C-alpha atoms as a PDB file:
ATOM      1  CA  MET A   1       6.028 -10.891 -18.340  1.00  0.00           C
ATOM      2  CA  ARG A   2       5.146  -9.312 -21.683  1.00  0.00           C
ATOM      3  CA  LEU A   3       6.897  -6.156 -22.800  1.00  0.00           C
ATOM      4  CA  HIS A   4       5.053  -3.714 -25.019  1.00  0.00           C
ATOM      5  CA  PHE A   5       7.917  -1.397 -25.881  1.00  0.00           C
ATOM      6  CA  LYS A   6       7.383  -1.648 -29.641  1.00  0.00           C
ATOM      7  CA  THR A   7       3.671  -0.823 -29.446  1.00  0.00           C
ATOM      8  CA  ALA A   8       4.270   1.936 -26.908  1.00  0.00           C
ATOM      9  CA  THR A   9       6.997   3.507 -29.030  1.00  0.00           C
ATOM     10  CA  SER A  10       4.621   3.517 -32.005  1.00  0.00           C
ATOM     11  CA  VAL A  11       1.987   5.285 -29.895  1.00  0.00           C
ATOM     12  CA  TYR A  12       4.629   7.709 -28.651  1.00  0.00           C
ATOM     13  CA  ARG A  13       5.585   8.662 -32.213  1.00  0.00           C
ATOM     14  CA  LYS A  14       1.941   9.215 -33.106  1.00  0.00           C
ATOM     15  CA  THR A  15       1.489  11.631 -30.194  1.00  0.00           C
ATOM     16  CA  LEU A  16       4.689  13.621 -30.772  1.00  0.00           C
ATOM     17  CA  PRO A  17       2.722  16.885 -31.241  1.00  0.00           C
ATOM     18  CA  PHE A  18       1.804  16.712 -27.553  1.00  0.00           C
ATOM     19  CA  VAL A  19       5.397  15.861 -26.602  1.00  0.00           C
ATOM     20  CA  VAL A  20       6.646  18.885 -28.528  1.00  0.00           C
ATOM     21  CA  LEU A  21       3.897  21.070 -27.032  1.00  0.00           C
ATOM     22  CA  ARG A  22       4.835  20.123 -23.485  1.00  0.00           C
ATOM     23  CA  LEU A  23       8.536  20.614 -24.250  1.00  0.00           C
ATOM     24  CA  GLY A  24       7.805  24.045 -25.719  1.00  0.00           C
ATOM     25  CA  ILE A  25       5.793  25.064 -22.661  1.00  0.00           C
ATOM     26  CA  GLY A  26       8.584  23.863 -20.397  1.00  0.00           C
ATOM     27  CA  LEU A  27      11.264  25.785 -22.291  1.00  0.00           C
ATOM     28  CA  LEU A  28       9.091  28.916 -22.324  1.00  0.00           C
ATOM     29  CA  CYS A  29       8.538  28.648 -18.571  1.00  0.00           C
ATOM     30  CA  GLY A  30      12.289  28.238 -18.063  1.00  0.00           C
ATOM     31  CA  LEU A  31      12.976  31.329 -20.144  1.00  0.00           C
ATOM     32  CA  LEU A  32      10.365  33.352 -18.252  1.00  0.00           C
ATOM     33  CA  ALA A  33      11.898  32.220 -14.956  1.00  0.00           C
ATOM     34  CA  VAL A  34      15.334  33.407 -16.082  1.00  0.00           C
ATOM     35  CA  VAL A  35      13.912  36.771 -17.167  1.00  0.00           C
ATOM     36  CA  TYR A  36      11.915  37.129 -13.934  1.00  0.00           C
ATOM     37  CA  PHE A  37      14.785  36.412 -11.557  1.00  0.00           C
ATOM     38  CA  GLY A  38      17.200  38.335 -13.766  1.00  0.00           C
ATOM     39  CA  ALA A  39      14.972  41.399 -13.526  1.00  0.00           C
ATOM     40  CA  ILE A  40      14.626  40.955  -9.757  1.00  0.00           C
ATOM     41  CA  ALA A  41      18.405  40.660  -9.361  1.00  0.00           C
ATOM     42  CA  TRP A  42      19.079  43.696 -11.574  1.00  0.00           C
ATOM     43  CA  PHE A  43      16.481  45.847  -9.829  1.00  0.00           C
ATOM     44  CA  GLY A  44      17.632  44.793  -6.361  1.00  0.00           C
ATOM     45  CA  THR A  45      21.285  45.410  -7.199  1.00  0.00           C
ATOM     46  CA  ARG A  46      20.547  48.896  -8.517  1.00  0.00           C
ATOM     47  CA  LEU A  47      18.632  49.789  -5.351  1.00  0.00           C
ATOM     48  CA  LEU A  48      21.429  48.475  -3.133  1.00  0.00           C
ATOM     49  CA  GLU A  49      24.100  50.355  -5.069  1.00  0.00           C
ATOM     50  CA  SER A  50      22.144  53.583  -4.744  1.00  0.00           C
ATOM     51  CA  SER A  51      21.579  52.909  -1.023  1.00  0.00           C
ATOM     52  CA  SER A  52      17.828  53.190  -1.582  1.00  0.00           C
ATOM     53  CA  ILE A  53      17.227  50.049   0.466  1.00  0.00           C
ATOM     54  CA  SER A  54      19.140  48.124   3.118  1.00  0.00           C
ATOM     55  CA  GLU A  55      20.435  44.568   2.756  1.00  0.00           C
ATOM     56  CA  LEU A  56      17.689  43.362   5.088  1.00  0.00           C
ATOM     57  CA  VAL A  57      14.989  44.926   2.914  1.00  0.00           C
ATOM     58  CA  ALA A  58      16.642  43.441  -0.183  1.00  0.00           C
ATOM     59  CA  PHE A  59      16.643  39.995   1.427  1.00  0.00           C
ATOM     60  CA  VAL A  60      12.977  40.269   2.423  1.00  0.00           C
ATOM     61  CA  GLY A  61      12.140  41.427  -1.094  1.00  0.00           C
ATOM     62  CA  LEU A  62      13.994  38.443  -2.566  1.00  0.00           C
ATOM     63  CA  VAL A  63      12.100  36.040  -0.289  1.00  0.00           C
ATOM     64  CA  LEU A  64       8.784  37.610  -1.317  1.00  0.00           C
ATOM     65  CA  ALA A  65       9.761  37.408  -5.001  1.00  0.00           C
ATOM     66  CA  VAL A  66      10.633  33.720  -4.640  1.00  0.00           C
ATOM     67  CA  GLY A  67       7.399  33.054  -2.745  1.00  0.00           C
ATOM     68  CA  LEU A  68       5.366  34.811  -5.431  1.00  0.00           C
ATOM     69  CA  PHE A  69       7.111  32.783  -8.134  1.00  0.00           C
ATOM     70  CA  VAL A  70       6.503  29.483  -6.309  1.00  0.00           C
ATOM     71  CA  ALA A  71       2.822  30.297  -5.773  1.00  0.00           C
ATOM     72  CA  GLY A  72       2.391  31.260  -9.405  1.00  0.00           C
ATOM     73  CA  TRP A  73       4.216  28.147 -10.569  1.00  0.00           C
ATOM     74  CA  ARG A  74       1.979  25.908  -8.476  1.00  0.00           C
ATOM     75  CA  LEU A  75      -1.153  27.451  -9.954  1.00  0.00           C
ATOM     76  CA  PHE A  76       0.247  27.230 -13.477  1.00  0.00           C
ATOM     77  CA  SER A  77       1.331  23.602 -12.951  1.00  0.00           C
ATOM     78  CA  ARG A  78      -2.064  22.568 -11.631  1.00  0.00           C
ATOM     79  CA  TYR A  79      -4.311  24.375 -14.087  1.00  0.00           C
ATOM     80  CA  VAL A  80      -2.191  24.423 -17.254  1.00  0.00           C
ATOM     81  CA  LEU A  81       0.664  21.920 -17.272  1.00  0.00           C
ATOM     82  CA  TYR A  82      -1.395  19.292 -15.480  1.00  0.00           C
ATOM     83  CA  LEU A  83      -4.325  19.613 -17.879  1.00  0.00           C
ATOM     84  CA  VAL A  84      -1.970  19.433 -20.867  1.00  0.00           C
ATOM     85  CA  LYS A  85      -0.530  16.239 -19.413  1.00  0.00           C
ATOM     86  CA  VAL A  86      -3.973  14.728 -18.928  1.00  0.00           C
ATOM     87  CA  ALA A  87      -5.021  15.749 -22.445  1.00  0.00           C
ATOM     88  CA  HIS A  88      -1.971  13.865 -23.727  1.00  0.00           C
ATOM     89  CA  ILE A  89      -3.056  10.830 -21.700  1.00  0.00           C
ATOM     90  CA  ALA A  90      -6.507  11.017 -23.302  1.00  0.00           C
ATOM     91  CA  VAL A  91      -4.957  10.932 -26.784  1.00  0.00           C
ATOM     92  CA  ILE A  92      -2.667   8.020 -25.834  1.00  0.00           C
ATOM     93  CA  ALA A  93      -5.668   6.061 -24.542  1.00  0.00           C
ATOM     94  CA  HIS A  94      -7.600   6.793 -27.747  1.00  0.00           C
ATOM     95  CA  VAL A  95      -4.735   5.605 -29.961  1.00  0.00           C
ATOM     96  CA  ILE A  96      -4.293   2.400 -27.948  1.00  0.00           C
ATOM     97  CA  GLU A  97      -7.996   1.604 -27.930  1.00  0.00           C
ATOM     98  CA  THR A  98      -8.781   2.464 -31.563  1.00  0.00           C
ATOM     99  CA  GLY A  99      -5.423   2.357 -33.321  1.00  0.00           C
ATOM    100  CA  GLU A 100      -6.242   5.730 -34.881  1.00  0.00           C
ATOM    101  CA  VAL A 101      -4.905   9.201 -34.242  1.00  0.00           C
ATOM    102  CA  PRO A 102      -7.461  12.036 -33.886  1.00  0.00           C
ATOM    103  CA  PRO A 103      -7.247  14.536 -36.796  1.00  0.00           C
ATOM    104  CA  ASN A 104      -6.351  17.364 -34.395  1.00  0.00           C
ATOM    105  CA  GLN A 105      -5.062  15.539 -31.347  1.00  0.00           C
ATOM    106  CA  ILE A 106      -4.396  18.654 -29.266  1.00  0.00           C
ATOM    107  CA  ARG A 107      -7.960  19.861 -29.760  1.00  0.00           C
ATOM    108  CA  TYR A 108      -9.242  16.314 -29.148  1.00  0.00           C
ATOM    109  CA  GLY A 109      -7.291  15.990 -25.908  1.00  0.00           C
ATOM    110  CA  LYS A 110      -8.586  19.315 -24.663  1.00  0.00           C
ATOM    111  CA  SER A 111     -12.181  18.372 -25.496  1.00  0.00           C
ATOM    112  CA  GLN A 112     -11.831  15.041 -23.682  1.00  0.00           C
ATOM    113  CA  VAL A 113     -10.593  16.712 -20.527  1.00  0.00           C
ATOM    114  CA  THR A 114     -13.321  19.363 -20.500  1.00  0.00           C
ATOM    115  CA  GLU A 115     -16.001  16.773 -21.318  1.00  0.00           C
ATOM    116  CA  HIS A 116     -15.098  14.314 -18.569  1.00  0.00           C
ATOM    117  CA  PHE A 117     -13.844  16.749 -15.942  1.00  0.00           C
ATOM    118  CA  THR A 118     -15.702  20.046 -15.999  1.00  0.00           C
ATOM    119  CA  GLU A 119     -13.469  21.295 -13.180  1.00  0.00           C
ATOM    120  CA  ALA A 120      -9.708  20.825 -12.989  1.00  0.00           C
ATOM    121  CA  SER A 121      -9.979  20.432  -9.215  1.00  0.00           C
ATOM    122  CA  ALA A 122     -12.227  17.369  -9.664  1.00  0.00           C
ATOM    123  CA  LEU A 123      -9.667  15.584 -11.809  1.00  0.00           C
ATOM    124  CA  PHE A 124      -6.845  16.675  -9.509  1.00  0.00           C
ATOM    125  CA  ALA A 125      -8.665  15.316  -6.452  1.00  0.00           C
ATOM    126  CA  VAL A 126      -9.190  11.908  -8.075  1.00  0.00           C
ATOM    127  CA  ASP A 127      -5.585  11.758  -9.236  1.00  0.00           C
ATOM    128  CA  GLN A 128      -4.155  12.645  -5.824  1.00  0.00           C
ATOM    129  CA  LEU A 129      -6.209   9.931  -4.160  1.00  0.00           C
ATOM    130  CA  VAL A 130      -5.183   7.382  -6.807  1.00  0.00           C
ATOM    131  CA  LYS A 131      -1.520   8.272  -6.224  1.00  0.00           C
ATOM    132  CA  ALA A 132      -1.928   7.690  -2.501  1.00  0.00           C
ATOM    133  CA  VAL A 133      -3.592   4.313  -3.090  1.00  0.00           C
ATOM    134  CA  ILE A 134      -0.884   3.171  -5.521  1.00  0.00           C
ATOM    135  CA  LYS A 135       1.838   4.210  -3.075  1.00  0.00           C
ATOM    136  CA  GLN A 136       0.249   2.276  -0.216  1.00  0.00           C
ATOM    137  CA  PHE A 137      -0.475  -0.770  -2.363  1.00  0.00           C
ATOM    138  CA  ASN A 138       3.036  -0.960  -3.806  1.00  0.00           C
ATOM    139  CA  GLY A 139       4.519  -0.490  -0.363  1.00  0.00           C
ATOM    140  CA  ALA A 140       2.501  -3.463   0.883  1.00  0.00           C
ATOM    141  CA  VAL A 141       3.135  -5.910  -1.968  1.00  0.00           C
ATOM    142  CA  VAL A 142       6.676  -4.948  -2.993  1.00  0.00           C
ATOM    143  CA  SER A 143       9.288  -5.329  -0.280  1.00  0.00           C
ATOM    144  CA  PHE A 144      12.740  -6.188  -1.531  1.00  0.00           C
ATOM    145  CA  SER A 145      14.151  -5.663   1.936  1.00  0.00           C
ATOM    146  CA  GLU A 146      12.167  -8.620   3.249  1.00  0.00           C
ATOM    147  CA  LEU A 147      12.852 -10.807   0.213  1.00  0.00           C
ATOM    148  CA  LEU A 148      16.616 -10.217   0.310  1.00  0.00           C
ATOM    149  CA  SER A 149      17.161  -9.713   4.032  1.00  0.00           C
ATOM    150  CA  ILE A 150      19.048 -13.012   4.133  1.00  0.00           C
ATOM    151  CA  VAL A 151      21.796 -11.442   1.998  1.00  0.00           C
ATOM    152  CA  PRO A 152      23.054  -8.360   3.921  1.00  0.00           C
ATOM    153  CA  ASN A 153      25.662  -7.499   1.256  1.00  0.00           C
ATOM    154  CA  LEU A 154      22.852  -6.687  -1.167  1.00  0.00           C
ATOM    155  CA  GLN A 155      21.456  -3.932   1.035  1.00  0.00           C
ATOM    156  CA  LYS A 156      22.761  -1.141  -1.202  1.00  0.00           C
ATOM    157  CA  LEU A 157      21.285  -2.847  -4.264  1.00  0.00           C
ATOM    158  CA  VAL A 158      17.997  -3.224  -2.407  1.00  0.00           C
ATOM    159  CA  GLU A 159      17.962   0.506  -1.614  1.00  0.00           C
ATOM    160  CA  LEU A 160      18.650   1.350  -5.256  1.00  0.00           C
ATOM    161  CA  LEU A 161      15.841  -0.930  -6.432  1.00  0.00           C
ATOM    162  CA  GLY A 162      13.518   0.633  -3.870  1.00  0.00           C
ATOM    163  CA  LYS A 163      14.211   4.110  -5.236  1.00  0.00           C
ATOM    164  CA  ALA A 164      13.713   2.842  -8.782  1.00  0.00           C
ATOM    165  CA  ILE A 165      10.341   1.341  -7.838  1.00  0.00           C
ATOM    166  CA  THR A 166       9.279   4.632  -6.265  1.00  0.00           C
ATOM    167  CA  ILE A 167      10.041   6.425  -9.526  1.00  0.00           C
ATOM    168  CA  ALA A 168       8.355   3.711 -11.575  1.00  0.00           C
ATOM    169  CA  ALA A 169       5.213   3.829  -9.454  1.00  0.00           C
ATOM    170  CA  SER A 170       4.914   7.581 -10.023  1.00  0.00           C
ATOM    171  CA  TYR A 171       3.743   6.894 -13.583  1.00  0.00           C
ATOM    172  CA  ILE A 172       1.048   4.367 -12.711  1.00  0.00           C
ATOM    173  CA  ASP A 173      -1.595   6.900 -11.667  1.00  0.00           C
ATOM    174  CA  GLU A 174      -1.456   8.207 -15.245  1.00  0.00           C
ATOM    175  CA  ALA A 175      -2.320   4.721 -16.483  1.00  0.00           C
ATOM    176  CA  ILE A 176      -5.359   4.748 -14.188  1.00  0.00           C
ATOM    177  CA  ILE A 177      -6.425   8.085 -15.700  1.00  0.00           C
ATOM    178  CA  ALA A 178      -6.060   6.526 -19.163  1.00  0.00           C
ATOM    179  CA  HIS A 179      -8.387   3.729 -18.030  1.00  0.00           C
ATOM    180  CA  MET A 180     -10.913   6.367 -16.997  1.00  0.00           C
ATOM    181  CA  PHE A 181     -10.836   7.876 -20.486  1.00  0.00           C
ATOM    182  CA  CYS A 182     -11.362   4.400 -21.954  1.00  0.00           C
ATOM    183  CA  ASN A 183     -14.516   4.041 -19.841  1.00  0.00           C
ATOM    184  CA  PRO A 184     -16.192   7.444 -20.184  1.00  0.00           C
ATOM    185  CA  GLU A 185     -19.638   6.095 -19.361  1.00  0.00           C
ATOM    186  CA  GLN A 186     -18.661   5.406 -15.749  1.00  0.00           C
ATOM    187  CA  ASN A 187     -18.710   7.744 -12.785  1.00  0.00           C
ATOM    188  CA  ARG A 188     -15.132   9.036 -12.360  1.00  0.00           C
ATOM    189  CA  TRP A 189     -14.765   7.610  -8.848  1.00  0.00           C
ATOM    190  CA  ARG A 190     -16.016   4.202  -9.921  1.00  0.00           C
ATOM    191  CA  SER A 191     -13.779   4.232 -12.988  1.00  0.00           C
ATOM    192  CA  ALA A 192     -10.761   5.110 -10.836  1.00  0.00           C
ATOM    193  CA  ARG A 193     -11.683   2.355  -8.380  1.00  0.00           C
ATOM    194  CA  ASP A 194     -11.988  -0.267 -11.113  1.00  0.00           C
ATOM    195  CA  GLY A 195      -8.730   0.920 -12.669  1.00  0.00           C
ATOM    196  CA  ILE A 196      -6.916   0.406  -9.391  1.00  0.00           C
ATOM    197  CA  VAL A 197      -8.479  -3.041  -9.017  1.00  0.00           C
ATOM    198  CA  LEU A 198      -7.228  -3.927 -12.497  1.00  0.00           C
ATOM    199  CA  TYR A 199      -3.784  -2.718 -11.485  1.00  0.00           C
ATOM    200  CA  GLY A 200      -4.059  -5.002  -8.460  1.00  0.00           C
ATOM    201  CA  LYS A 201      -4.440  -7.884 -10.930  1.00  0.00           C
ATOM    202  CA  THR A 202      -1.664  -6.797 -13.313  1.00  0.00           C
ATOM    203  CA  TRP A 203       0.792  -4.976 -11.056  1.00  0.00           C
ATOM    204  CA  LYS A 204       3.615  -7.480 -11.557  1.00  0.00           C
ATOM    205  CA  SER A 205       3.740  -6.997 -15.326  1.00  0.00           C
ATOM    206  CA  VAL A 206       3.230  -3.228 -15.183  1.00  0.00           C
ATOM    207  CA  LEU A 207       5.680  -2.555 -12.377  1.00  0.00           C
ATOM    208  CA  ALA A 208       8.327  -4.982 -13.624  1.00  0.00           C
ATOM    209  CA  SER A 209       8.410  -3.509 -17.129  1.00  0.00           C
ATOM    210  CA  THR A 210       8.446   0.010 -15.709  1.00  0.00           C
ATOM    211  CA  LEU A 211      11.242  -0.895 -13.312  1.00  0.00           C
ATOM    212  CA  ALA A 212      13.309  -2.183 -16.234  1.00  0.00           C
ATOM    213  CA  ILE A 213      12.840   1.171 -17.988  1.00  0.00           C
ATOM    214  CA  VAL A 214      13.785   3.190 -14.914  1.00  0.00           C
ATOM    215  CA  VAL A 215      16.986   1.214 -14.420  1.00  0.00           C
ATOM    216  CA  GLY A 216      17.750   1.766 -18.097  1.00  0.00           C
ATOM    217  CA  LEU A 217      17.142   5.497 -17.681  1.00  0.00           C
ATOM    218  CA  TYR A 218      19.628   5.591 -14.817  1.00  0.00           C
ATOM    219  CA  ALA A 219      22.245   4.143 -17.151  1.00  0.00           C
ATOM    220  CA  LEU A 220      21.265   6.465 -20.002  1.00  0.00           C
ATOM    221  CA  ALA A 221      21.420   9.549 -17.780  1.00  0.00           C
ATOM    222  CA  PHE A 222      24.926   8.538 -16.721  1.00  0.00           C
ATOM    223  CA  VAL A 223      25.974   8.110 -20.364  1.00  0.00           C
ATOM    224  CA  LEU A 224      24.482  11.507 -21.295  1.00  0.00           C
ATOM    225  CA  VAL A 225      26.409  13.274 -18.552  1.00  0.00           C
ATOM    226  CA  LEU A 226      29.627  11.547 -19.628  1.00  0.00           C
ATOM    227  CA  ALA A 227      28.994  12.517 -23.245  1.00  0.00           C
ATOM    228  CA  LEU A 228      28.474  16.161 -22.296  1.00  0.00           C
ATOM    229  CA  ILE A 229      31.543  16.428 -20.059  1.00  0.00           C
ATOM    230  CA  PRO A 230      33.821  17.365 -23.010  1.00  0.00           C
ATOM    231  CA  VAL A 231      31.565  20.366 -23.698  1.00  0.00           C
ATOM    232  CA  ALA A 232      31.928  21.604 -20.139  1.00  0.00           C
ATOM    233  CA  THR A 233      35.672  20.885 -20.121  1.00  0.00           C
ATOM    234  CA  GLY A 234      36.208  22.708 -23.417  1.00  0.00           C
ATOM    235  CA  LEU A 235      34.468  25.816 -22.156  1.00  0.00           C
ATOM    236  CA  GLY A 236      36.335  25.496 -18.870  1.00  0.00           C
ATOM    237  CA  ASN A 237      39.617  26.128 -20.691  1.00  0.00           C
ATOM    238  CA  LEU A 238      38.345  29.648 -21.412  1.00  0.00           C
ATOM    239  CA  GLY A 239      38.030  30.556 -17.727  1.00  0.00           C
ATOM    240  CA  GLY A 240      36.185  29.796 -14.501  1.00  0.00           C
ATOM    241  CA  LEU A 241      32.960  31.526 -15.528  1.00  0.00           C
ATOM    242  CA  PHE A 242      32.875  29.619 -18.799  1.00  0.00           C
ATOM    243  CA  GLU A 243      33.464  26.357 -16.942  1.00  0.00           C
ATOM    244  CA  VAL A 244      30.395  26.988 -14.790  1.00  0.00           C
ATOM    245  CA  LEU A 245      28.462  27.957 -17.909  1.00  0.00           C
ATOM    246  CA  GLY A 246      29.645  24.765 -19.597  1.00  0.00           C
ATOM    247  CA  TRP A 247      28.344  22.591 -16.784  1.00  0.00           C
ATOM    248  CA  VAL A 248      25.047  24.477 -16.776  1.00  0.00           C
ATOM    249  CA  ILE A 249      24.690  23.859 -20.513  1.00  0.00           C
ATOM    250  CA  ALA A 250      25.657  20.183 -20.186  1.00  0.00           C
ATOM    251  CA  LEU A 251      23.302  19.443 -17.302  1.00  0.00           C
ATOM    252  CA  GLY A 252      20.540  21.586 -18.827  1.00  0.00           C
ATOM    253  CA  THR A 253      20.781  19.674 -22.100  1.00  0.00           C
ATOM    254  CA  ALA A 254      20.652  16.323 -20.304  1.00  0.00           C
ATOM    255  CA  LEU A 255      17.685  17.467 -18.207  1.00  0.00           C
ATOM    256  CA  THR A 256      15.846  18.759 -21.291  1.00  0.00           C
ATOM    257  CA  ILE A 257      16.318  15.448 -23.118  1.00  0.00           C
ATOM    258  CA  TYR A 258      15.168  13.503 -20.076  1.00  0.00           C
ATOM    259  CA  THR A 259      12.114  15.568 -19.149  1.00  0.00           C
ATOM    260  CA  GLY A 260      11.164  16.568 -22.677  1.00  0.00           C
ATOM    261  CA  PHE A 261      11.457  13.260 -24.503  1.00  0.00           C
ATOM    262  CA  LEU A 262      12.275  10.325 -22.232  1.00  0.00           C
ATOM    263  CA  LYS A 263       9.688  10.898 -19.499  1.00  0.00           C
ATOM    264  CA  PRO A 264       6.768  11.102 -21.981  1.00  0.00           C
ATOM    265  CA  TRP A 265       8.020   7.875 -23.558  1.00  0.00           C
ATOM    266  CA  VAL A 266       8.131   6.127 -20.175  1.00  0.00           C
ATOM    267  CA  LYS A 267       4.606   7.361 -19.465  1.00  0.00           C
ATOM    268  CA  THR A 268       3.437   5.984 -22.806  1.00  0.00           C
ATOM    269  CA  VAL A 269       5.027   2.604 -22.065  1.00  0.00           C
ATOM    270  CA  VAL A 270       3.335   2.394 -18.660  1.00  0.00           C
ATOM    271  CA  ILE A 271      -0.078   3.361 -20.034  1.00  0.00           C
ATOM    272  CA  THR A 272       0.253   0.995 -22.990  1.00  0.00           C
ATOM    273  CA  THR A 273       1.358  -1.915 -20.802  1.00  0.00           C
ATOM    274  CA  PHE A 274      -1.451  -1.386 -18.328  1.00  0.00           C
ATOM    275  CA  LEU A 275      -4.231  -0.986 -20.904  1.00  0.00           C
ATOM    276  CA  LEU A 276      -3.107  -3.973 -22.973  1.00  0.00           C
ATOM    277  CA  GLU A 277      -2.476  -6.253 -19.983  1.00  0.00           C
ATOM    278  CA  SER A 278      -5.865  -5.399 -18.427  1.00  0.00           C
ATOM    279  CA  ARG A 279      -7.851  -5.377 -21.667  1.00  0.00           C
ATOM    280  CA  ASP A 280      -9.389  -8.849 -21.225  1.00  0.00           C
ATOM    281  CA  ILE A 281      -9.582  -8.745 -17.421  1.00  0.00           C
ATOM    282  CA  GLU A 282     -12.577  -7.787 -15.322  1.00  0.00           C
ATOM    283  CA  PRO A 283     -12.245  -6.172 -11.871  1.00  0.00           C
ATOM    284  CA  ASP A 284     -13.566  -8.585  -9.255  1.00  0.00           C
ATOM    285  CA  SER A 285     -14.570  -8.269  -5.628  1.00  0.00           C
ATOM    286  CA  GLU A 286     -11.783 -10.574  -4.416  1.00  0.00           C
ATOM    287  CA  THR A 287      -9.065  -8.323  -5.843  1.00  0.00           C
ATOM    288  CA  MET A 288     -10.918  -5.245  -4.614  1.00  0.00           C
ATOM    289  CA  ASP A 289     -10.896  -6.669  -1.079  1.00  0.00           C
ATOM    290  CA  ARG A 290      -7.190  -7.503  -1.418  1.00  0.00           C
ATOM    291  CA  VAL A 291      -6.350  -3.955  -2.473  1.00  0.00           C
ATOM    292  CA  ALA A 292      -8.558  -2.544   0.298  1.00  0.00           C
ATOM    293  CA  SER A 293      -6.710  -4.633   2.874  1.00  0.00           C
ATOM    294  CA  ARG A 294      -3.445  -3.026   1.768  1.00  0.00           C
ATOM    295  CA  SER A 295      -4.603   0.568   1.403  1.00  0.00           C
ATOM    296  CA  GLU A 296      -6.825   2.606   3.677  1.00  0.00           C
ATOM    297  CA  ARG A 297      -6.921   5.331   1.016  1.00  0.00           C
ATOM    298  CA  PHE A 298      -8.509   2.832  -1.360  1.00  0.00           C
ATOM    299  CA  ARG A 299     -11.283   2.313   1.158  1.00  0.00           C
ATOM    300  CA  GLU A 300     -11.737   6.086   1.115  1.00  0.00           C
ATOM    301  CA  LEU A 301     -11.994   6.002  -2.681  1.00  0.00           C
ATOM    302  CA  VAL A 302     -14.563   3.209  -2.490  1.00  0.00           C
ATOM    303  CA  GLY A 303     -16.525   5.354  -0.066  1.00  0.00           C
ATOM    304  CA  ASN A 304     -16.688   8.085  -2.715  1.00  0.00           C
ATOM    305  CA  THR A 305     -17.957   5.633  -5.323  1.00  0.00           C
ATOM    306  CA  PRO A 306     -21.747   5.583  -5.848  1.00  0.00           C
ATOM    307  CA  GLU A 307     -23.228   2.107  -5.935  1.00  0.00           C
ATOM    308  CA  ARG A 308     -25.205   2.927  -9.062  1.00  0.00           C
ATOM    309  CA  THR A 309     -25.348   5.831 -11.466  1.00  0.00           C
ATOM    310  CA  ASP A 310     -27.747   6.736 -14.238  1.00  0.00           C
ATOM    311  CA  GLN A 311     -25.405   5.144 -16.761  1.00  0.00           C
ATOM    312  CA  ASP A 312     -25.040   2.010 -14.647  1.00  0.00           C
ATOM    313  CA  SER A 313     -28.783   1.465 -14.334  1.00  0.00           C
ATOM    314  CA  GLN A 314     -28.980   0.016 -17.818  1.00  0.00           C
ATOM    315  CA  GLN A 315     -26.893  -2.964 -16.777  1.00  0.00           C
ATOM    316  CA  ALA A 316     -26.877  -4.255 -13.229  1.00  0.00           C
ATOM    317  CA  PRO A 317     -23.617  -5.802 -11.989  1.00  0.00           C
ATOM    318  CA  SER A 318     -23.567  -9.347 -10.713  1.00  0.00           C
ATOM    319  CA  PRO A 319     -23.468  -9.696  -6.925  1.00  0.00           C
ATOM    320  CA  ASN A 320     -19.824 -10.802  -6.762  1.00  0.00           C
ATOM    321  CA  LEU A 321     -18.342  -8.822  -9.642  1.00  0.00           C
ATOM    322  CA  VAL A 322     -17.477  -5.200 -10.148  1.00  0.00           C
ATOM    323  CA  THR A 323     -17.983  -4.754 -13.855  1.00  0.00           C
ATOM    324  CA  ASN A 324     -16.776  -2.249 -16.409  1.00  0.00           C
ATOM    325  CA  ASP A 325     -20.239  -1.216 -17.503  1.00  0.00           C
END
């Protein structure tokens, strides 16, 4: 197994503007959420104190406010945060393939997304199907419970590894999207199909390196919490409210570091590993059949893939090979 941590970290540093952008958006959303619910709480409390509304009405209003927030967050996540994430993936793929950073990478990422996916729903549909395929495929080929069933005392370790693999696999669909950006001449369904087939040929390297990172992140998260305990304890000496505030600050800081900086790095490692490991490999019909036998959702994706497109017509694939035209 080859690890590409050094190369991935270099790519990560080169795309820091996107990392900072996503962190800024996340912090802004968190601030707006605090203001929103703070205003709802203040307004509701004032109405209750003045007996303008009953407790039942206040509860119904709170439920509606939460529902409205959740609905708005889902729309914002799908049409803003998601597209920012994909634009970042496009820049990562460009840096890996060319070794160069676009002059204005945020503008470049945005242009790549709008050029290849004129509708956000089209990209989202492909991604959701790819996620389902990866989940089914990994579930079929990775089974620690079967491999270690002869050692019952390792059951807890097996469960922990299973959870780690689930987290690790959640990044792989982003590597498939990166493959699609590296092959812009293909139909998006065909590009996604070939990307999954390439993952079927390289899954051991990609998943093993990602699993190592996830286990490391578990340890790092534990260390971060331990390091921030003195902050919470120090504030706790000032009173119960300050103790709660201290824990909120400690956990919030750890969560910000993890989601703002570590998760984008893990994503970059996964994408880098996949693109480099699959660079000299061609998707073949044998692997495609093997993946199809392990995932019914992959067969659905294949059904969405046109046999030939206008771009493909310039070069016909061989009978037994699915090529990256």
